[in-house]
Amino acid sequence: MATKVMLDTNVLLDFFETPRPEHATSLALVDALKANGATMCLAATSLKDVYYVLTRRSSEPAARRAVESLLATMEILPVDETCCHRAVTSTEPDFEDGIIRAAAELAQVDYLVSRDARAFVGSRVPRLSPAVAVKELAVS
C-alpha cells in the first residue's frame, strides 16, 4: 500500500513561492513523493490559505492555478465538525495546526510534513521536516 503523506500549509506555500528559503526542498519533496508513488494529502482549509497568501503576493489567476493544481494532484482531506472539535481541544499551538493534525489523524496518514517544529508534537501521526521527509521517503 502506498505511503500517505499530509503536507502542512507552510510546505505548500514553500512549493509555490520561489523566494521562500525552503522552496527547493519542497520541490524535492514533491518529486520524491511522486517517484515513491505516495499519496499526497492536504486539509481542505489549506486550499483557502494557499489561495489567500498567493493572491496577496502574486495574482488572483496564479493563486487559482495553484489551487487547481493541488486539486488535481492531492487528496483533499475533509474538515468537518468532528475535525473541528478535535482541533479546538487539541494541544496544538493554534487552531489551524489543530485542524491539520485532526485531519491527518482522522485520515490515518503515515506522516505529516511541516516546517513548524513546535506543532504536532503530541500527534499520533509522526511529523517530519521537509528535509528529513525527502531523505526518508525517497525511492530506495
Protein backbone atom coordinates (compact mmCIF):
# COMPACT_ATOMS: atom_id res chain seq x y z
CA MET A 1 0.00 0.00 0.00
CA ALA A 2 1.24 3.49 -0.87
CA THR A 3 2.52 5.81 1.81
CA LYS A 4 0.02 8.54 2.67
CA VAL A 5 1.65 11.88 3.47
CA MET A 6 -0.06 15.05 4.73
CA LEU A 7 1.56 18.34 3.71
CA ASP A 8 1.18 21.30 6.05
CA THR A 9 0.19 24.65 4.57
CA ASN A 10 3.70 26.07 5.07
CA VAL A 11 5.15 23.31 2.87
CA LEU A 12 2.57 24.01 0.16
CA LEU A 13 3.40 27.72 0.21
CA ASP A 14 7.11 26.90 0.02
CA PHE A 15 6.37 24.83 -3.07
CA PHE A 16 4.62 27.66 -4.90
CA GLU A 17 6.70 30.67 -3.81
CA THR A 18 10.20 30.72 -5.27
CA PRO A 19 11.55 33.43 -2.92
CA ARG A 20 10.88 31.30 0.17
CA PRO A 21 14.04 29.70 1.63
CA GLU A 22 12.52 26.19 1.64
CA HIS A 23 11.27 26.33 -1.98
CA ALA A 24 13.89 23.92 -3.38
CA THR A 25 13.33 21.46 -0.53
CA SER A 26 9.58 21.46 -1.12
CA LEU A 27 10.11 20.83 -4.83
CA ALA A 28 12.43 17.93 -4.00
CA LEU A 29 9.88 16.59 -1.50
CA VAL A 30 7.03 16.55 -4.02
CA ASP A 31 9.32 14.91 -6.60
CA ALA A 32 10.37 12.24 -4.07
CA LEU A 33 6.79 11.54 -3.06
CA LYS A 34 5.67 11.23 -6.69
CA ALA A 35 8.60 8.92 -7.50
CA ASN A 36 7.72 6.80 -4.46
CA GLY A 37 4.07 6.55 -5.50
CA ALA A 38 2.97 8.21 -2.26
CA THR A 39 -0.46 9.71 -1.84
CA MET A 40 -0.06 13.40 -1.04
CA CYS A 41 -2.79 14.90 1.15
CA LEU A 42 -3.78 18.30 2.44
CA ALA A 43 -6.55 19.65 4.63
CA ALA A 44 -9.36 21.33 2.72
CA THR A 45 -8.69 24.53 4.69
CA SER A 46 -5.16 24.68 3.30
CA LEU A 47 -6.62 25.41 -0.13
CA LYS A 48 -8.13 28.69 1.02
CA ASP A 49 -4.95 29.61 2.91
CA VAL A 50 -2.74 28.97 -0.13
CA TYR A 51 -5.16 30.93 -2.31
CA TYR A 52 -5.27 33.87 0.11
CA VAL A 53 -1.49 34.14 0.53
CA LEU A 54 -0.75 33.76 -3.17
CA THR A 55 -3.29 36.43 -4.17
CA ARG A 56 -1.50 38.86 -1.83
CA ARG A 57 1.96 38.05 -3.17
CA SER A 58 1.21 37.22 -6.78
CA SER A 59 -2.09 37.45 -8.64
CA GLU A 60 -5.57 36.00 -8.44
CA PRO A 61 -5.14 33.94 -11.63
CA ALA A 62 -1.85 32.50 -10.34
CA ALA A 63 -3.44 31.66 -7.00
CA ARG A 64 -6.37 29.99 -8.74
CA ARG A 65 -3.97 27.91 -10.90
CA ALA A 66 -2.12 26.83 -7.75
CA VAL A 67 -5.37 25.65 -6.14
CA GLU A 68 -6.36 23.86 -9.34
CA SER A 69 -3.02 22.04 -9.41
CA LEU A 70 -3.45 20.97 -5.78
CA LEU A 71 -6.95 19.69 -6.52
CA ALA A 72 -5.60 17.70 -9.45
CA THR A 73 -2.64 16.10 -7.65
CA MET A 74 -3.54 15.72 -3.99
CA GLU A 75 -6.13 14.02 -1.86
CA ILE A 76 -8.18 16.69 -0.11
CA LEU A 77 -8.96 15.70 3.46
CA PRO A 78 -12.28 16.91 4.85
CA VAL A 79 -12.56 19.48 7.59
CA ASP A 80 -15.92 18.76 9.15
CA GLU A 81 -17.50 19.19 12.57
CA THR A 82 -15.63 16.20 14.02
CA CYS A 83 -12.34 17.54 12.74
CA CYS A 84 -13.05 21.00 14.17
CA HIS A 85 -13.99 19.61 17.61
CA ARG A 86 -10.76 17.61 17.71
CA ALA A 87 -8.80 20.67 16.59
CA VAL A 88 -10.18 23.04 19.18
CA THR A 89 -9.48 20.60 22.02
CA SER A 90 -6.02 19.57 20.79
CA THR A 91 -2.72 20.54 22.36
CA GLU A 92 -1.58 22.33 19.20
CA PRO A 93 -0.18 25.88 19.45
CA ASP A 94 -3.06 27.25 17.37
CA PHE A 95 -6.39 26.22 15.85
CA GLU A 96 -5.01 25.96 12.31
CA ASP A 97 -2.39 23.43 13.43
CA GLY A 98 -5.15 21.63 15.32
CA ILE A 99 -7.13 21.29 12.09
CA ILE A 100 -4.12 19.96 10.18
CA ARG A 101 -3.42 17.44 12.96
CA ALA A 102 -7.04 16.33 13.30
CA ALA A 103 -7.45 15.88 9.54
CA ALA A 104 -4.23 13.84 9.40
CA GLU A 105 -5.21 11.65 12.34
CA LEU A 106 -8.76 11.08 11.10
CA ALA A 107 -7.46 10.10 7.66
CA GLN A 108 -4.80 7.86 9.26
CA VAL A 109 -1.98 9.27 7.18
CA ASP A 110 1.50 7.83 7.68
CA TYR A 111 3.40 11.12 8.02
CA LEU A 112 2.74 14.81 8.44
CA VAL A 113 5.34 17.05 6.80
CA SER A 114 5.74 20.52 8.29
CA ARG A 115 8.42 23.10 8.99
CA ASP A 116 6.68 24.01 12.25
CA ALA A 117 8.84 22.28 14.88
CA ARG A 118 6.54 23.36 17.73
CA ALA A 119 3.45 21.79 16.20
CA PHE A 120 2.24 18.18 16.03
CA VAL A 121 4.42 17.05 18.94
CA GLY A 122 1.51 15.17 20.55
CA SER A 123 0.08 13.85 17.30
CA ARG A 124 -0.35 10.14 16.63
CA VAL A 125 0.98 10.91 13.14
CA PRO A 126 4.76 11.37 13.06
CA ARG A 127 5.88 14.84 11.94
CA LEU A 128 8.83 15.09 9.58
CA SER A 129 10.56 18.23 8.43
CA PRO A 130 10.61 18.62 4.64
CA ALA A 131 14.37 17.90 4.50
CA VAL A 132 14.03 14.71 6.56
CA ALA A 133 10.99 13.63 4.56
CA VAL A 134 12.92 13.98 1.29
CA LYS A 135 15.57 11.57 2.63
CA GLU A 136 13.22 9.13 4.36
CA LEU A 137 10.52 8.94 1.72
CA ALA A 138 12.72 8.89 -1.39
CA VAL A 139 12.70 5.80 -3.57
CA SER A 140 15.32 3.32 -2.41
